[in-house]
Amino acid sequence: MRHLSPVCMLDNKTDTIFIGKKPLMSYVTSAIIQLATLDKITIKARGHSIGLAVDVTQVLLKKTDAFEVGCVNISSESLESQDDRNRDVSTIEIPISKRGK
């Protein structure tokens, strides 16, 4: 379930990078490649991967002044665990765009 305010609505024309268990620089490289051809991407993560998503964003911002972060969305999803119980899992969506676009 996503809760977005009208001010922070994400554009459907963006590419998305889902953060998982790969090394940090794999996601950074993927983001740089996508931002070379697109004006905007979204980095998404949930649970324990949220910290890695923030790290990817920080590396992108510190490498160059060409990118900026948009309105970050923090939410939660209800998932069914292996023991058939519902668990709330935190999620984050971080839009990154070329500066001035």
C-alpha atoms as a PDB file:
ATOM      1  CA  MET A   1       0.000   0.000   0.000  1.00  0.00           C
ATOM      2  CA  ARG A   2       1.408   3.400  -1.000  1.00  0.00           C
ATOM      3  CA  HIS A   3       0.535   6.712   0.577  1.00  0.00           C
ATOM      4  CA  LEU A   4       1.579   9.610  -1.657  1.00  0.00           C
ATOM      5  CA  SER A   5       0.596  13.187  -1.226  1.00  0.00           C
ATOM      6  CA  PRO A   6      -0.398  15.021  -4.444  1.00  0.00           C
ATOM      7  CA  VAL A   7       2.722  17.193  -4.165  1.00  0.00           C
ATOM      8  CA  CYS A   8       5.009  14.143  -4.233  1.00  0.00           C
ATOM      9  CA  MET A   9       3.362  12.023  -6.912  1.00  0.00           C
ATOM     10  CA  LEU A  10       5.889   9.989  -8.891  1.00  0.00           C
ATOM     11  CA  ASP A  11       5.864  10.106 -12.679  1.00  0.00           C
ATOM     12  CA  ASN A  12       5.066   6.816 -14.432  1.00  0.00           C
ATOM     13  CA  LYS A  13       7.737   7.549 -17.067  1.00  0.00           C
ATOM     14  CA  THR A  14      10.615   6.837 -14.684  1.00  0.00           C
ATOM     15  CA  ASP A  15      12.765   3.759 -14.510  1.00  0.00           C
ATOM     16  CA  THR A  16      12.971   1.954 -11.200  1.00  0.00           C
ATOM     17  CA  ILE A  17      15.896   0.259  -9.465  1.00  0.00           C
ATOM     18  CA  PHE A  18      14.850  -2.297  -6.863  1.00  0.00           C
ATOM     19  CA  ILE A  19      17.475  -2.677  -4.143  1.00  0.00           C
ATOM     20  CA  GLY A  20      18.215  -6.211  -2.948  1.00  0.00           C
ATOM     21  CA  LYS A  21      21.328  -8.145  -1.963  1.00  0.00           C
ATOM     22  CA  LYS A  22      23.826  -7.107  -4.646  1.00  0.00           C
ATOM     23  CA  PRO A  23      26.891  -5.025  -3.776  1.00  0.00           C
ATOM     24  CA  LEU A  24      26.482  -1.253  -3.417  1.00  0.00           C
ATOM     25  CA  MET A  25      28.417  -0.346  -6.558  1.00  0.00           C
ATOM     26  CA  SER A  26      26.231  -2.602  -8.718  1.00  0.00           C
ATOM     27  CA  TYR A  27      23.257  -0.377  -7.959  1.00  0.00           C
ATOM     28  CA  VAL A  28      25.283   2.832  -8.287  1.00  0.00           C
ATOM     29  CA  THR A  29      26.534   1.758 -11.718  1.00  0.00           C
ATOM     30  CA  SER A  30      23.021   0.804 -12.813  1.00  0.00           C
ATOM     31  CA  ALA A  31      21.676   4.180 -11.680  1.00  0.00           C
ATOM     32  CA  ILE A  32      24.402   6.113 -13.511  1.00  0.00           C
ATOM     33  CA  ILE A  33      23.768   4.151 -16.711  1.00  0.00           C
ATOM     34  CA  GLN A  34      20.018   4.797 -16.508  1.00  0.00           C
ATOM     35  CA  LEU A  35      20.468   8.482 -15.694  1.00  0.00           C
ATOM     36  CA  ALA A  36      22.677   8.846 -18.774  1.00  0.00           C
ATOM     37  CA  THR A  37      19.609   8.293 -20.955  1.00  0.00           C
ATOM     38  CA  LEU A  38      16.716   9.221 -18.642  1.00  0.00           C
ATOM     39  CA  ASP A  39      15.931  12.419 -16.764  1.00  0.00           C
ATOM     40  CA  LYS A  40      14.604  10.635 -13.677  1.00  0.00           C
ATOM     41  CA  ILE A  41      14.809   7.266 -11.913  1.00  0.00           C
ATOM     42  CA  THR A  42      13.370   5.882  -8.685  1.00  0.00           C
ATOM     43  CA  ILE A  43      15.281   3.756  -6.201  1.00  0.00           C
ATOM     44  CA  LYS A  44      12.960   1.454  -4.240  1.00  0.00           C
ATOM     45  CA  ALA A  45      13.696  -0.799  -1.280  1.00  0.00           C
ATOM     46  CA  ARG A  46      11.980  -2.454   1.624  1.00  0.00           C
ATOM     47  CA  GLY A  47      12.983  -3.922   4.961  1.00  0.00           C
ATOM     48  CA  HIS A  48      16.682  -4.392   5.601  1.00  0.00           C
ATOM     49  CA  SER A  49      17.566  -3.075   2.121  1.00  0.00           C
ATOM     50  CA  ILE A  50      16.443   0.482   2.963  1.00  0.00           C
ATOM     51  CA  GLY A  51      19.871   1.390   4.350  1.00  0.00           C
ATOM     52  CA  LEU A  52      21.519   0.199   1.130  1.00  0.00           C
ATOM     53  CA  ALA A  53      19.087   2.326  -0.920  1.00  0.00           C
ATOM     54  CA  VAL A  54      20.093   5.398   1.098  1.00  0.00           C
ATOM     55  CA  ASP A  55      23.788   4.507   0.621  1.00  0.00           C
ATOM     56  CA  VAL A  56      23.308   4.210  -3.163  1.00  0.00           C
ATOM     57  CA  THR A  57      21.662   7.633  -3.202  1.00  0.00           C
ATOM     58  CA  GLN A  58      24.451   9.191  -1.136  1.00  0.00           C
ATOM     59  CA  VAL A  59      27.164   7.783  -3.413  1.00  0.00           C
ATOM     60  CA  LEU A  60      25.345   9.201  -6.466  1.00  0.00           C
ATOM     61  CA  LEU A  61      25.044  12.628  -4.863  1.00  0.00           C
ATOM     62  CA  LYS A  62      28.654  12.754  -3.636  1.00  0.00           C
ATOM     63  CA  LYS A  63      30.185  11.547  -6.926  1.00  0.00           C
ATOM     64  CA  THR A  64      28.826  14.465  -8.901  1.00  0.00           C
ATOM     65  CA  ASP A  65      26.663  17.559  -8.599  1.00  0.00           C
ATOM     66  CA  ALA A  66      24.627  16.475 -11.631  1.00  0.00           C
ATOM     67  CA  PHE A  67      21.858  14.744  -9.654  1.00  0.00           C
ATOM     68  CA  GLU A  68      19.285  15.767  -7.061  1.00  0.00           C
ATOM     69  CA  VAL A  69      16.822  13.908  -4.842  1.00  0.00           C
ATOM     70  CA  GLY A  70      13.106  14.541  -5.149  1.00  0.00           C
ATOM     71  CA  CYS A  71      10.360  13.948  -2.599  1.00  0.00           C
ATOM     72  CA  VAL A  72      11.184  10.719  -0.710  1.00  0.00           C
ATOM     73  CA  ASN A  73       8.254   8.428   0.089  1.00  0.00           C
ATOM     74  CA  ILE A  74       8.396   6.267   3.229  1.00  0.00           C
ATOM     75  CA  SER A  75       5.596   3.768   3.714  1.00  0.00           C
ATOM     76  CA  SER A  76       4.869   0.170   4.717  1.00  0.00           C
ATOM     77  CA  GLU A  77       3.405  -2.929   3.102  1.00  0.00           C
ATOM     78  CA  SER A  78       1.571  -5.774   4.761  1.00  0.00           C
ATOM     79  CA  LEU A  79       3.081  -9.115   3.734  1.00  0.00           C
ATOM     80  CA  GLU A  80       2.232 -12.662   4.737  1.00  0.00           C
ATOM     81  CA  SER A  81       5.171 -14.438   6.396  1.00  0.00           C
ATOM     82  CA  GLN A  82       6.055 -18.129   6.101  1.00  0.00           C
ATOM     83  CA  ASP A  83       4.150 -18.832   9.318  1.00  0.00           C
ATOM     84  CA  ASP A  84       0.969 -17.363   7.730  1.00  0.00           C
ATOM     85  CA  ARG A  85       1.029 -14.186   9.838  1.00  0.00           C
ATOM     86  CA  ASN A  86       0.772 -10.685   8.453  1.00  0.00           C
ATOM     87  CA  ARG A  87       3.884  -8.551   8.870  1.00  0.00           C
ATOM     88  CA  ASP A  88       4.294  -4.867   8.134  1.00  0.00           C
ATOM     89  CA  VAL A  89       7.453  -4.176   6.138  1.00  0.00           C
ATOM     90  CA  SER A  90       8.819  -0.654   5.744  1.00  0.00           C
ATOM     91  CA  THR A  91       9.400   0.669   2.207  1.00  0.00           C
ATOM     92  CA  ILE A  92      11.182   3.651   0.700  1.00  0.00           C
ATOM     93  CA  GLU A  93      11.051   5.283  -2.729  1.00  0.00           C
ATOM     94  CA  ILE A  94      13.792   7.767  -3.598  1.00  0.00           C
ATOM     95  CA  PRO A  95      13.363   9.724  -6.850  1.00  0.00           C
ATOM     96  CA  ILE A  96      16.630  10.937  -8.366  1.00  0.00           C
ATOM     97  CA  SER A  97      16.752  13.277 -11.331  1.00  0.00           C
ATOM     98  CA  LYS A  98      19.270  15.222 -13.303  1.00  0.00           C
ATOM     99  CA  ARG A  99      19.782  18.624 -11.703  1.00  0.00           C
ATOM    100  CA  GLY A 100      17.610  21.242 -13.369  1.00  0.00           C
ATOM    101  CA  LYS A 101      15.311  18.736 -15.158  1.00  0.00           C
END
